[in-house]
C-alpha atoms as a PDB file:
ATOM      1  CA  MET A   1      29.205  36.279  23.816  1.00  0.00           C
ATOM      2  CA  SER A   2      28.292  38.781  20.957  1.00  0.00           C
ATOM      3  CA  ALA A   3      27.029  35.648  19.219  1.00  0.00           C
ATOM      4  CA  ARG A   4      24.839  34.154  22.054  1.00  0.00           C
ATOM      5  CA  VAL A   5      23.410  37.411  22.529  1.00  0.00           C
ATOM      6  CA  ARG A   6      22.292  37.563  19.016  1.00  0.00           C
ATOM      7  CA  ALA A   7      20.955  33.962  18.959  1.00  0.00           C
ATOM      8  CA  ALA A   8      19.047  35.175  21.704  1.00  0.00           C
ATOM      9  CA  GLY A   9      17.740  38.341  20.572  1.00  0.00           C
ATOM     10  CA  ARG A  10      16.481  35.953  17.349  1.00  0.00           C
ATOM     11  CA  LEU A  11      14.750  33.664  19.866  1.00  0.00           C
ATOM     12  CA  ALA A  12      13.077  36.080  21.402  1.00  0.00           C
ATOM     13  CA  ILE A  13      12.185  37.605  18.295  1.00  0.00           C
ATOM     14  CA  ARG A  14      10.635  34.438  17.310  1.00  0.00           C
ATOM     15  CA  ARG A  15       8.727  33.126  20.193  1.00  0.00           C
ATOM     16  CA  THR A  16       7.382  37.169  20.797  1.00  0.00           C
ATOM     17  CA  ALA A  17       5.532  36.507  17.125  1.00  0.00           C
ATOM     18  CA  PHE A  18       4.500  33.031  17.632  1.00  0.00           C
ATOM     19  CA  ALA A  19       3.067  34.442  21.271  1.00  0.00           C
ATOM     20  CA  VAL A  20       0.654  36.766  19.503  1.00  0.00           C
ATOM     21  CA  PRO A  21      -1.409  34.359  17.503  1.00  0.00           C
ATOM     22  CA  VAL A  22      -1.884  31.756  20.731  1.00  0.00           C
ATOM     23  CA  LEU A  23      -2.792  34.495  22.756  1.00  0.00           C
ATOM     24  CA  VAL A  24      -5.489  35.142  20.646  1.00  0.00           C
ATOM     25  CA  VAL A  25      -6.441  31.467  20.161  1.00  0.00           C
ATOM     26  CA  VAL A  26      -6.482  31.475  24.385  1.00  0.00           C
ATOM     27  CA  ALA A  27      -9.070  34.297  24.292  1.00  0.00           C
ATOM     28  CA  VAL A  28     -10.998  33.119  21.898  1.00  0.00           C
ATOM     29  CA  GLY A  29     -11.363  29.698  23.364  1.00  0.00           C
ATOM     30  CA  VAL A  30     -12.260  31.158  26.997  1.00  0.00           C
ATOM     31  CA  PHE A  31     -15.188  32.870  25.185  1.00  0.00           C
ATOM     32  CA  LEU A  32     -15.975  29.468  23.684  1.00  0.00           C
ATOM     33  CA  LEU A  33     -16.113  27.518  26.778  1.00  0.00           C
ATOM     34  CA  GLY A  34     -18.168  30.052  28.696  1.00  0.00           C
ATOM     35  CA  ALA A  35     -20.495  29.913  25.976  1.00  0.00           C
ATOM     36  CA  ALA A  36     -20.911  26.141  26.729  1.00  0.00           C
ATOM     37  CA  SER A  37     -21.722  26.858  30.558  1.00  0.00           C
ATOM     38  CA  PRO A  38     -24.742  25.706  31.567  1.00  0.00           C
ATOM     39  CA  PHE A  39     -24.191  28.971  34.276  1.00  0.00           C
ATOM     40  CA  LYS A  40     -26.420  31.897  33.672  1.00  0.00           C
ATOM     41  CA  PRO A  41     -24.395  35.466  33.546  1.00  0.00           C
ATOM     42  CA  ILE A  42     -27.415  36.983  34.439  1.00  0.00           C
ATOM     43  CA  TYR A  43     -28.144  35.014  37.751  1.00  0.00           C
ATOM     44  CA  GLN A  44     -24.929  35.510  38.707  1.00  0.00           C
ATOM     45  CA  TYR A  45     -24.909  39.231  37.784  1.00  0.00           C
ATOM     46  CA  TYR A  46     -27.858  39.803  40.546  1.00  0.00           C
ATOM     47  CA  GLY A  47     -27.039  37.138  43.014  1.00  0.00           C
ATOM     48  CA  ALA A  48     -30.083  35.998  45.850  1.00  0.00           C
ATOM     49  CA  GLY A  49     -31.747  39.253  44.153  1.00  0.00           C
ATOM     50  CA  VAL A  50     -32.555  37.454  41.203  1.00  0.00           C
ATOM     51  CA  PHE A  51     -35.635  35.437  43.147  1.00  0.00           C
ATOM     52  CA  THR A  52     -37.185  39.205  43.712  1.00  0.00           C
ATOM     53  CA  ALA A  53     -36.266  40.726  40.343  1.00  0.00           C
ATOM     54  CA  SER A  54     -39.267  40.742  37.810  1.00  0.00           C
ATOM     55  CA  ALA A  55     -38.542  38.815  34.239  1.00  0.00           C
ATOM     56  CA  GLU A  56     -39.358  42.625  32.983  1.00  0.00           C
ATOM     57  CA  GLU A  57     -36.138  43.676  34.658  1.00  0.00           C
ATOM     58  CA  LEU A  58     -33.795  40.799  34.301  1.00  0.00           C
ATOM     59  CA  ALA A  59     -34.494  41.579  30.399  1.00  0.00           C
ATOM     60  CA  GLN A  60     -33.744  44.452  30.386  1.00  0.00           C
ATOM     61  CA  THR A  61     -30.395  44.553  32.588  1.00  0.00           C
ATOM     62  CA  SER A  62     -29.371  41.251  30.104  1.00  0.00           C
ATOM     63  CA  ALA A  63     -29.755  43.409  26.902  1.00  0.00           C
ATOM     64  CA  ALA A  64     -27.714  46.258  28.818  1.00  0.00           C
ATOM     65  CA  LEU A  65     -25.178  44.173  29.079  1.00  0.00           C
ATOM     66  CA  GLY A  66     -25.089  42.471  26.138  1.00  0.00           C
ATOM     67  CA  LEU A  67     -25.995  39.463  27.672  1.00  0.00           C
ATOM     68  CA  ASP A  68     -28.090  38.510  24.930  1.00  0.00           C
ATOM     69  CA  ASP A  69     -25.493  38.827  21.962  1.00  0.00           C
ATOM     70  CA  SER A  70     -24.002  35.921  20.532  1.00  0.00           C
ATOM     71  CA  VAL A  71     -20.931  34.644  21.619  1.00  0.00           C
ATOM     72  CA  PHE A  72     -18.824  36.214  18.852  1.00  0.00           C
ATOM     73  CA  THR A  73     -20.521  39.573  18.875  1.00  0.00           C
ATOM     74  CA  GLN A  74     -19.262  39.704  22.626  1.00  0.00           C
ATOM     75  CA  LEU A  75     -15.497  38.014  21.689  1.00  0.00           C
ATOM     76  CA  GLY A  76     -15.772  41.183  18.927  1.00  0.00           C
ATOM     77  CA  ARG A  77     -16.624  43.843  21.097  1.00  0.00           C
ATOM     78  CA  TRP A  78     -14.045  42.679  23.624  1.00  0.00           C
ATOM     79  CA  PHE A  79     -11.198  42.375  20.505  1.00  0.00           C
ATOM     80  CA  ALA A  80     -12.159  46.069  19.549  1.00  0.00           C
ATOM     81  CA  GLY A  81     -11.870  47.729  22.937  1.00  0.00           C
ATOM     82  CA  LEU A  82      -8.343  45.606  23.319  1.00  0.00           C
ATOM     83  CA  VAL A  83      -6.854  47.562  20.914  1.00  0.00           C
ATOM     84  CA  ARG A  84      -8.432  50.707  22.279  1.00  0.00           C
ATOM     85  CA  GLY A  85      -6.463  49.494  25.614  1.00  0.00           C
ATOM     86  CA  ASP A  86      -9.966  48.507  27.521  1.00  0.00           C
ATOM     87  CA  LEU A  87     -10.161  45.204  28.576  1.00  0.00           C
ATOM     88  CA  GLY A  88     -13.799  45.907  29.167  1.00  0.00           C
ATOM     89  CA  SER A  89     -16.307  45.808  32.226  1.00  0.00           C
ATOM     90  CA  SER A  90     -16.185  43.042  34.879  1.00  0.00           C
ATOM     91  CA  ARG A  91     -19.930  42.049  35.569  1.00  0.00           C
ATOM     92  CA  SER A  92     -18.806  40.037  38.697  1.00  0.00           C
ATOM     93  CA  PHE A  93     -17.467  42.495  40.419  1.00  0.00           C
ATOM     94  CA  ARG A  94     -18.877  45.605  38.939  1.00  0.00           C
ATOM     95  CA  GLN A  95     -16.136  47.872  37.609  1.00  0.00           C
ATOM     96  CA  PRO A  96     -13.816  48.041  35.035  1.00  0.00           C
ATOM     97  CA  VAL A  97     -11.286  44.717  34.217  1.00  0.00           C
ATOM     98  CA  ALA A  98      -8.032  46.771  34.212  1.00  0.00           C
ATOM     99  CA  ASP A  99      -8.882  47.986  37.980  1.00  0.00           C
ATOM    100  CA  VAL A 100      -9.588  44.195  39.234  1.00  0.00           C
ATOM    101  CA  ILE A 101      -6.569  43.103  37.706  1.00  0.00           C
ATOM    102  CA  ALA A 102      -4.843  46.213  38.499  1.00  0.00           C
ATOM    103  CA  GLU A 103      -6.054  45.522  42.786  1.00  0.00           C
ATOM    104  CA  ARG A 104      -5.280  41.887  42.842  1.00  0.00           C
ATOM    105  CA  LEU A 105      -2.331  41.480  40.231  1.00  0.00           C
ATOM    106  CA  PRO A 106       0.437  42.988  43.000  1.00  0.00           C
ATOM    107  CA  TRP A 107      -0.543  40.274  45.826  1.00  0.00           C
ATOM    108  CA  THR A 108      -0.454  37.516  43.231  1.00  0.00           C
ATOM    109  CA  LEU A 109       3.274  38.818  42.111  1.00  0.00           C
ATOM    110  CA  LEU A 110       4.359  38.527  45.888  1.00  0.00           C
ATOM    111  CA  LEU A 111       3.127  35.064  46.536  1.00  0.00           C
ATOM    112  CA  VAL A 112       4.248  33.635  43.033  1.00  0.00           C
ATOM    113  CA  GLY A 113       7.854  35.684  43.551  1.00  0.00           C
ATOM    114  CA  VAL A 114       8.060  34.205  47.347  1.00  0.00           C
ATOM    115  CA  GLY A 115       7.098  30.690  46.668  1.00  0.00           C
ATOM    116  CA  LEU A 116       9.032  30.287  43.124  1.00  0.00           C
ATOM    117  CA  GLY A 117      12.481  31.894  45.113  1.00  0.00           C
ATOM    118  CA  LEU A 118      12.201  29.678  48.308  1.00  0.00           C
ATOM    119  CA  ALA A 119      11.525  26.514  45.972  1.00  0.00           C
ATOM    120  CA  VAL A 120      14.788  27.304  44.156  1.00  0.00           C
ATOM    121  CA  LEU A 121      16.558  27.905  47.216  1.00  0.00           C
ATOM    122  CA  LEU A 122      15.737  24.822  48.976  1.00  0.00           C
ATOM    123  CA  ALA A 123      16.156  22.595  46.100  1.00  0.00           C
ATOM    124  CA  VAL A 124      19.226  23.605  45.032  1.00  0.00           C
ATOM    125  CA  ALA A 125      20.725  23.379  48.835  1.00  0.00           C
ATOM    126  CA  LEU A 126      19.215  19.845  48.748  1.00  0.00           C
ATOM    127  CA  GLY A 127      19.958  18.696  45.259  1.00  0.00           C
ATOM    128  CA  VAL A 128      23.303  19.512  46.236  1.00  0.00           C
ATOM    129  CA  VAL A 129      23.469  17.639  49.364  1.00  0.00           C
ATOM    130  CA  ALA A 130      22.003  14.670  48.238  1.00  0.00           C
ATOM    131  CA  ALA A 131      24.101  14.697  45.021  1.00  0.00           C
ATOM    132  CA  TRP A 132      27.480  15.123  47.404  1.00  0.00           C
ATOM    133  CA  ARG A 133      26.352  12.873  50.074  1.00  0.00           C
ATOM    134  CA  HIS A 134      25.143  10.253  46.954  1.00  0.00           C
ATOM    135  CA  GLY A 135      23.968   6.801  48.618  1.00  0.00           C
ATOM    136  CA  GLY A 136      24.312   8.450  51.940  1.00  0.00           C
ATOM    137  CA  TRP A 137      20.673   8.786  54.458  1.00  0.00           C
ATOM    138  CA  LEU A 138      20.249  12.059  53.400  1.00  0.00           C
ATOM    139  CA  ASP A 139      20.375  11.502  50.121  1.00  0.00           C
ATOM    140  CA  ARG A 140      17.677   9.020  50.895  1.00  0.00           C
ATOM    141  CA  VAL A 141      15.418  10.549  52.785  1.00  0.00           C
ATOM    142  CA  VAL A 142      15.596  13.875  50.065  1.00  0.00           C
ATOM    143  CA  THR A 143      15.302  11.245  47.244  1.00  0.00           C
ATOM    144  CA  ALA A 144      12.018   9.655  49.517  1.00  0.00           C
ATOM    145  CA  VAL A 145      10.475  12.863  50.343  1.00  0.00           C
ATOM    146  CA  GLY A 146      10.464  14.253  47.136  1.00  0.00           C
ATOM    147  CA  HIS A 147       9.007  11.489  45.154  1.00  0.00           C
ATOM    148  CA  SER A 148       6.108  11.354  47.823  1.00  0.00           C
ATOM    149  CA  LEU A 149       5.522  14.849  47.198  1.00  0.00           C
ATOM    150  CA  GLU A 150       5.351  14.971  43.626  1.00  0.00           C
ATOM    151  CA  GLY A 151       1.526  13.370  44.109  1.00  0.00           C
ATOM    152  CA  LEU A 152       0.430  15.559  46.272  1.00  0.00           C
ATOM    153  CA  PRO A 153      -1.867  18.574  45.165  1.00  0.00           C
ATOM    154  CA  PRO A 154      -0.973  22.121  46.482  1.00  0.00           C
ATOM    155  CA  PHE A 155      -4.670  22.228  47.879  1.00  0.00           C
ATOM    156  CA  VAL A 156      -4.054  19.177  49.817  1.00  0.00           C
ATOM    157  CA  LEU A 157      -0.822  20.246  51.245  1.00  0.00           C
ATOM    158  CA  GLY A 158      -2.404  23.597  51.688  1.00  0.00           C
ATOM    159  CA  LEU A 159      -4.955  22.216  54.202  1.00  0.00           C
ATOM    160  CA  GLY A 160      -2.068  20.030  55.456  1.00  0.00           C
ATOM    161  CA  GLY A 161      -0.249  23.234  56.428  1.00  0.00           C
ATOM    162  CA  ILE A 162      -3.277  24.623  57.747  1.00  0.00           C
ATOM    163  CA  ALA A 163      -4.103  22.084  59.952  1.00  0.00           C
ATOM    164  CA  LEU A 164      -0.244  21.676  61.356  1.00  0.00           C
ATOM    165  CA  PHE A 165       0.797  25.628  61.560  1.00  0.00           C
ATOM    166  CA  SER A 166      -2.401  27.102  62.514  1.00  0.00           C
ATOM    167  CA  LEU A 167      -4.872  24.962  64.186  1.00  0.00           C
ATOM    168  CA  GLY A 168      -2.530  22.424  65.741  1.00  0.00           C
ATOM    169  CA  LEU A 169       0.436  24.746  66.491  1.00  0.00           C
ATOM    170  CA  SER A 170      -1.143  28.170  66.219  1.00  0.00           C
ATOM    171  CA  TRP A 171       2.084  29.398  64.727  1.00  0.00           C
ATOM    172  CA  LEU A 172       0.468  31.057  61.153  1.00  0.00           C
ATOM    173  CA  PRO A 173      -2.864  32.452  60.350  1.00  0.00           C
ATOM    174  CA  VAL A 174      -5.093  30.684  58.811  1.00  0.00           C
ATOM    175  CA  ALA A 175      -6.039  32.701  55.875  1.00  0.00           C
ATOM    176  CA  GLY A 176      -6.447  36.363  54.581  1.00  0.00           C
ATOM    177  CA  LEU A 177      -3.424  39.194  53.640  1.00  0.00           C
ATOM    178  CA  THR A 178      -3.686  40.462  56.958  1.00  0.00           C
ATOM    179  CA  ASP A 179      -5.635  40.135  60.764  1.00  0.00           C
ATOM    180  CA  ALA A 180      -9.699  41.294  60.480  1.00  0.00           C
ATOM    181  CA  GLY A 181      -9.868  44.914  60.378  1.00  0.00           C
ATOM    182  CA  ALA A 182      -5.690  44.782  59.949  1.00  0.00           C
ATOM    183  CA  PRO A 183      -4.284  47.782  57.960  1.00  0.00           C
ATOM    184  CA  PRO A 184      -2.205  45.859  55.270  1.00  0.00           C
ATOM    185  CA  THR A 185       1.527  46.702  57.022  1.00  0.00           C
ATOM    186  CA  PHE A 186       4.786  44.633  56.144  1.00  0.00           C
ATOM    187  CA  GLY A 187       4.565  42.625  59.052  1.00  0.00           C
ATOM    188  CA  GLN A 188       1.071  41.831  58.786  1.00  0.00           C
ATOM    189  CA  VAL A 189       0.977  40.628  55.721  1.00  0.00           C
ATOM    190  CA  THR A 190       4.824  38.666  55.899  1.00  0.00           C
ATOM    191  CA  ARG A 191       3.037  36.866  58.780  1.00  0.00           C
ATOM    192  CA  HIS A 192       0.297  36.006  56.525  1.00  0.00           C
ATOM    193  CA  LEU A 193       2.564  35.080  53.199  1.00  0.00           C
ATOM    194  CA  VAL A 194       4.520  32.835  55.491  1.00  0.00           C
ATOM    195  CA  LEU A 195       2.315  29.325  55.028  1.00  0.00           C
ATOM    196  CA  PRO A 196       0.574  30.195  51.481  1.00  0.00           C
ATOM    197  CA  ALA A 197       4.137  30.575  50.047  1.00  0.00           C
ATOM    198  CA  GLY A 198       6.185  27.939  51.607  1.00  0.00           C
ATOM    199  CA  VAL A 199       2.881  25.661  50.865  1.00  0.00           C
ATOM    200  CA  LEU A 200       3.947  26.696  47.166  1.00  0.00           C
ATOM    201  CA  ALA A 201       7.317  26.261  47.499  1.00  0.00           C
ATOM    202  CA  VAL A 202       6.732  22.790  48.391  1.00  0.00           C
ATOM    203  CA  SER A 203       4.879  21.871  46.118  1.00  0.00           C
ATOM    204  CA  GLN A 204       7.104  22.972  43.547  1.00  0.00           C
ATOM    205  CA  MET A 205      10.504  21.747  44.673  1.00  0.00           C
ATOM    206  CA  PRO A 206      10.600  18.205  44.178  1.00  0.00           C
ATOM    207  CA  TRP A 207      10.677  18.196  40.780  1.00  0.00           C
ATOM    208  CA  LEU A 208      13.219  20.732  40.766  1.00  0.00           C
ATOM    209  CA  VAL A 209      15.276  18.914  43.798  1.00  0.00           C
ATOM    210  CA  LEU A 210      15.084  15.448  41.715  1.00  0.00           C
ATOM    211  CA  HIS A 211      16.495  17.142  38.756  1.00  0.00           C
ATOM    212  CA  LEU A 212      19.128  19.159  39.766  1.00  0.00           C
ATOM    213  CA  ARG A 213      20.205  16.117  41.854  1.00  0.00           C
ATOM    214  CA  ALA A 214      20.301  13.590  38.731  1.00  0.00           C
ATOM    215  CA  SER A 215      21.824  16.550  36.843  1.00  0.00           C
ATOM    216  CA  LEU A 216      24.466  17.001  39.009  1.00  0.00           C
ATOM    217  CA  LEU A 217      25.335  13.412  39.865  1.00  0.00           C
ATOM    218  CA  THR A 218      26.094  13.400  35.848  1.00  0.00           C
ATOM    219  CA  ALA A 219      27.705  16.689  35.960  1.00  0.00           C
ATOM    220  CA  LEU A 220      30.329  14.784  38.709  1.00  0.00           C
ATOM    221  CA  THR A 221      31.567  12.218  36.174  1.00  0.00           C
ATOM    222  CA  GLU A 222      32.098  14.750  32.984  1.00  0.00           C
ATOM    223  CA  ASP A 223      36.097  15.008  32.634  1.00  0.00           C
ATOM    224  CA  HIS A 224      36.802  18.582  33.992  1.00  0.00           C
ATOM    225  CA  VAL A 225      35.398  17.641  36.986  1.00  0.00           C
ATOM    226  CA  ILE A 226      37.617  14.448  37.222  1.00  0.00           C
ATOM    227  CA  GLY A 227      40.241  16.594  36.322  1.00  0.00           C
ATOM    228  CA  ALA A 228      39.363  18.801  39.190  1.00  0.00           C
ATOM    229  CA  ARG A 229      39.921  15.678  41.474  1.00  0.00           C
ATOM    230  CA  ALA A 230      43.002  14.991  40.238  1.00  0.00           C
ATOM    231  CA  ARG A 231      44.799  18.325  40.730  1.00  0.00           C
ATOM    232  CA  GLY A 232      43.809  17.719  44.253  1.00  0.00           C
ATOM    233  CA  LEU A 233      40.981  20.520  44.541  1.00  0.00           C
ATOM    234  CA  PRO A 234      38.803  20.389  47.772  1.00  0.00           C
ATOM    235  CA  GLU A 235      35.857  18.198  47.630  1.00  0.00           C
ATOM    236  CA  TRP A 236      33.432  21.317  47.848  1.00  0.00           C
ATOM    237  CA  ARG A 237      35.246  23.362  45.431  1.00  0.00           C
ATOM    238  CA  VAL A 238      34.787  20.563  42.733  1.00  0.00           C
ATOM    239  CA  VAL A 239      31.161  20.009  43.829  1.00  0.00           C
ATOM    240  CA  LEU A 240      30.448  23.605  43.861  1.00  0.00           C
ATOM    241  CA  ARG A 241      32.763  25.559  41.309  1.00  0.00           C
ATOM    242  CA  HIS A 242      33.068  22.899  38.690  1.00  0.00           C
ATOM    243  CA  ALA A 243      29.908  20.484  38.696  1.00  0.00           C
ATOM    244  CA  LEU A 244      27.135  22.760  39.922  1.00  0.00           C
ATOM    245  CA  PRO A 245      27.872  25.212  37.023  1.00  0.00           C
ATOM    246  CA  THR A 246      27.070  22.524  34.629  1.00  0.00           C
ATOM    247  CA  ALA A 247      24.427  21.227  36.490  1.00  0.00           C
ATOM    248  CA  LEU A 248      22.406  24.738  36.589  1.00  0.00           C
ATOM    249  CA  LEU A 249      21.944  24.619  32.765  1.00  0.00           C
ATOM    250  CA  PRO A 250      19.192  22.215  32.755  1.00  0.00           C
ATOM    251  CA  PHE A 251      18.004  23.080  35.756  1.00  0.00           C
ATOM    252  CA  LEU A 252      17.118  27.032  34.279  1.00  0.00           C
ATOM    253  CA  ALA A 253      15.546  25.084  31.461  1.00  0.00           C
ATOM    254  CA  LEU A 254      13.347  23.316  33.809  1.00  0.00           C
ATOM    255  CA  LEU A 255      12.258  25.839  35.982  1.00  0.00           C
ATOM    256  CA  GLY A 256      10.822  27.552  32.717  1.00  0.00           C
ATOM    257  CA  ALA A 257       9.400  24.309  32.111  1.00  0.00           C
ATOM    258  CA  ARG A 258       7.016  24.659  35.336  1.00  0.00           C
ATOM    259  CA  ILE A 259       5.910  27.664  34.992  1.00  0.00           C
ATOM    260  CA  PRO A 260       2.627  26.319  33.999  1.00  0.00           C
ATOM    261  CA  GLU A 261       1.991  24.228  36.829  1.00  0.00           C
ATOM    262  CA  LEU A 262       3.568  27.314  39.038  1.00  0.00           C
ATOM    263  CA  VAL A 263       0.415  29.409  37.883  1.00  0.00           C
ATOM    264  CA  THR A 264      -2.206  26.221  38.713  1.00  0.00           C
ATOM    265  CA  GLY A 265      -0.431  26.359  42.080  1.00  0.00           C
ATOM    266  CA  ALA A 266      -0.587  29.778  43.166  1.00  0.00           C
ATOM    267  CA  VAL A 267      -4.467  29.554  41.518  1.00  0.00           C
ATOM    268  CA  LEU A 268      -5.156  26.702  44.089  1.00  0.00           C
ATOM    269  CA  VAL A 269      -3.166  28.231  46.942  1.00  0.00           C
ATOM    270  CA  GLU A 270      -4.795  31.455  46.517  1.00  0.00           C
ATOM    271  CA  GLU A 271      -8.185  29.957  46.828  1.00  0.00           C
ATOM    272  CA  VAL A 272      -7.328  27.516  50.045  1.00  0.00           C
ATOM    273  CA  PHE A 273      -5.914  30.558  51.539  1.00  0.00           C
ATOM    274  CA  SER A 274      -7.828  33.698  50.645  1.00  0.00           C
ATOM    275  CA  TRP A 275      -5.550  35.403  49.074  1.00  0.00           C
ATOM    276  CA  PRO A 276      -6.701  38.396  47.447  1.00  0.00           C
ATOM    277  CA  GLY A 277      -5.036  37.841  44.275  1.00  0.00           C
ATOM    278  CA  ILE A 278      -5.782  37.598  40.549  1.00  0.00           C
ATOM    279  CA  ALA A 279      -6.678  33.691  41.103  1.00  0.00           C
ATOM    280  CA  LYS A 280      -9.605  33.797  43.302  1.00  0.00           C
ATOM    281  CA  ALA A 281     -10.980  36.872  41.279  1.00  0.00           C
ATOM    282  CA  VAL A 282     -10.762  34.080  38.362  1.00  0.00           C
ATOM    283  CA  VAL A 283     -12.661  31.421  40.465  1.00  0.00           C
ATOM    284  CA  THR A 284     -15.534  34.627  40.857  1.00  0.00           C
ATOM    285  CA  GLY A 285     -15.441  35.409  37.384  1.00  0.00           C
ATOM    286  CA  ALA A 286     -15.727  31.670  36.129  1.00  0.00           C
ATOM    287  CA  LEU A 287     -18.925  31.028  37.849  1.00  0.00           C
ATOM    288  CA  ALA A 288     -20.920  34.215  37.152  1.00  0.00           C
ATOM    289  CA  VAL A 289     -19.572  33.495  33.311  1.00  0.00           C
ATOM    290  CA  ASP A 290     -17.973  36.628  33.360  1.00  0.00           C
ATOM    291  CA  PHE A 291     -16.261  36.891  29.488  1.00  0.00           C
ATOM    292  CA  PRO A 292     -14.042  40.052  29.662  1.00  0.00           C
ATOM    293  CA  LEU A 293     -12.589  39.088  33.130  1.00  0.00           C
ATOM    294  CA  LEU A 294     -11.951  35.606  32.242  1.00  0.00           C
ATOM    295  CA  ALA A 295     -10.114  36.514  28.692  1.00  0.00           C
ATOM    296  CA  ALA A 296      -8.123  38.846  30.302  1.00  0.00           C
ATOM    297  CA  ALA A 297      -6.586  36.522  33.020  1.00  0.00           C
ATOM    298  CA  ALA A 298      -6.506  33.616  30.471  1.00  0.00           C
ATOM    299  CA  VAL A 299      -4.830  36.050  28.195  1.00  0.00           C
ATOM    300  CA  LEU A 300      -2.503  36.871  31.254  1.00  0.00           C
ATOM    301  CA  ALA A 301      -1.664  34.042  32.710  1.00  0.00           C
ATOM    302  CA  THR A 302      -0.802  32.431  29.330  1.00  0.00           C
ATOM    303  CA  GLY A 303       1.206  35.216  28.786  1.00  0.00           C
ATOM    304  CA  ALA A 304       3.042  34.335  31.695  1.00  0.00           C
ATOM    305  CA  VAL A 305       3.974  31.151  30.906  1.00  0.00           C
ATOM    306  CA  LEU A 306       5.219  32.320  27.391  1.00  0.00           C
ATOM    307  CA  VAL A 307       7.640  34.768  29.003  1.00  0.00           C
ATOM    308  CA  GLY A 308       9.041  32.650  31.705  1.00  0.00           C
ATOM    309  CA  SER A 309       9.730  29.598  29.046  1.00  0.00           C
ATOM    310  CA  LEU A 310      11.225  32.510  27.136  1.00  0.00           C
ATOM    311  CA  LEU A 311      13.302  33.834  30.227  1.00  0.00           C
ATOM    312  CA  ALA A 312      14.188  30.217  30.522  1.00  0.00           C
ATOM    313  CA  ASP A 313      15.521  29.613  27.385  1.00  0.00           C
ATOM    314  CA  VAL A 314      17.100  33.085  26.960  1.00  0.00           C
ATOM    315  CA  ALA A 315      19.550  32.406  29.871  1.00  0.00           C
ATOM    316  CA  VAL A 316      20.611  28.507  28.697  1.00  0.00           C
ATOM    317  CA  VAL A 317      21.382  29.729  25.063  1.00  0.00           C
ATOM    318  CA  LEU A 318      23.110  33.138  26.976  1.00  0.00           C
ATOM    319  CA  THR A 319      25.494  30.467  29.814  1.00  0.00           C
ATOM    320  CA  ASP A 320      25.474  27.611  27.477  1.00  0.00           C
ATOM    321  CA  PRO A 321      27.871  28.031  24.662  1.00  0.00           C
ATOM    322  CA  ARG A 322      26.920  24.705  23.289  1.00  0.00           C
ATOM    323  CA  VAL A 323      23.106  25.575  22.698  1.00  0.00           C
ATOM    324  CA  VAL A 324      22.111  26.608  19.590  1.00  0.00           C
ATOM    325  CA  ALA A 325      18.979  28.930  19.648  1.00  0.00           C
ATOM    326  CA  ASP A 326      16.598  27.064  16.914  1.00  0.00           C
ATOM    327  CA  GLY A 327      13.247  28.572  18.648  1.00  0.00           C
END
C-alpha cells in the first residue's frame, strides 16, 4: 500500500504542476475571446439606461471602468489583482467577483453533488442488474434506454421534466430555489432541487450505466470469478463480492473523464431551472463581456475538471495494484 500511496503522491504533484500553466492559458483565452465579442460592455453595464445617457457620460464611465484600455492591459491588471488575492470587480453584478462566486458557488456544488451522487447510485444499481441478467428483458430495456438518452442534451431533458412533472402532474415546482417570497428552508430547497438534480443525474447516467455493464460482463469471465462460481458460492456473492470490485476500477476512471460533461450539464440545467448557481452568473457575465467574472469562472471550472480527473486517477492508483502512475 505504501508504494501505491507514494505513486499517488507523485501523480498529484505532477498534475498540480501541470495545472498552473493550463489555468493561465484558460484565463488568457477568456480575455482574448471576450475582446473578439461583438457585445459592447458599456451598453451592458448601463442596460436600458444607455439610450438616455449622453455620449459624455458613456465616455466617462468607460474610462472609469478601464474599458478603453487594451485587452492585454486589462489582463495584466487582473493577474496583478489575482496575486494579491483580488479577483476584481464584476461590472455586470456591480460587486466584487469573489462575492458573486461566494454567493452562488454553494448552490452549484449542491446541485452537482446531488446530481452526480444520484447518477452513480442509479448507474451502479442498473448496471449490475443489467449485467447480472445479461440478455434478459431488463438488460435489453436498460441498454436501449441508455443508448437513447446518450443523444439528448440536458436542456431537452430539463424541458421534458418541466412539461411532465411540473406542468402536467404538478408534482414539482418549475424553477427557482424556493417558492416566490419564501425563505430558503431545507424543505423548500429540497423540493426545488429534486427536478434539476434528477435531470442532471439522468443526463450523466447513460454513459456510466453502459460502461459499468460492459466492464462487469468482462469481469464475470475472469478466472477469479469463474473460480468463485466453481466453489459453489451464491451468484449474488460472486457478482457483488468478486466481479463488481474489478468492474468498478475503470468506472472510477470514467467518472473523472465525465467531469467536463458534468460541468457543461450543470450550466444548462441551472439556466433551464433558473437555479441561482454560478452558471447563471456566467451567462450574465458573458452577455456583458465581464472580463473579471468570466476569467474567474473559467479558471474555477477548469480547476474543477482537473481536480476531478486527478481524484479519479488517484483513486484508481490506490485501489488497483496493477496500475502504474505515469501521470
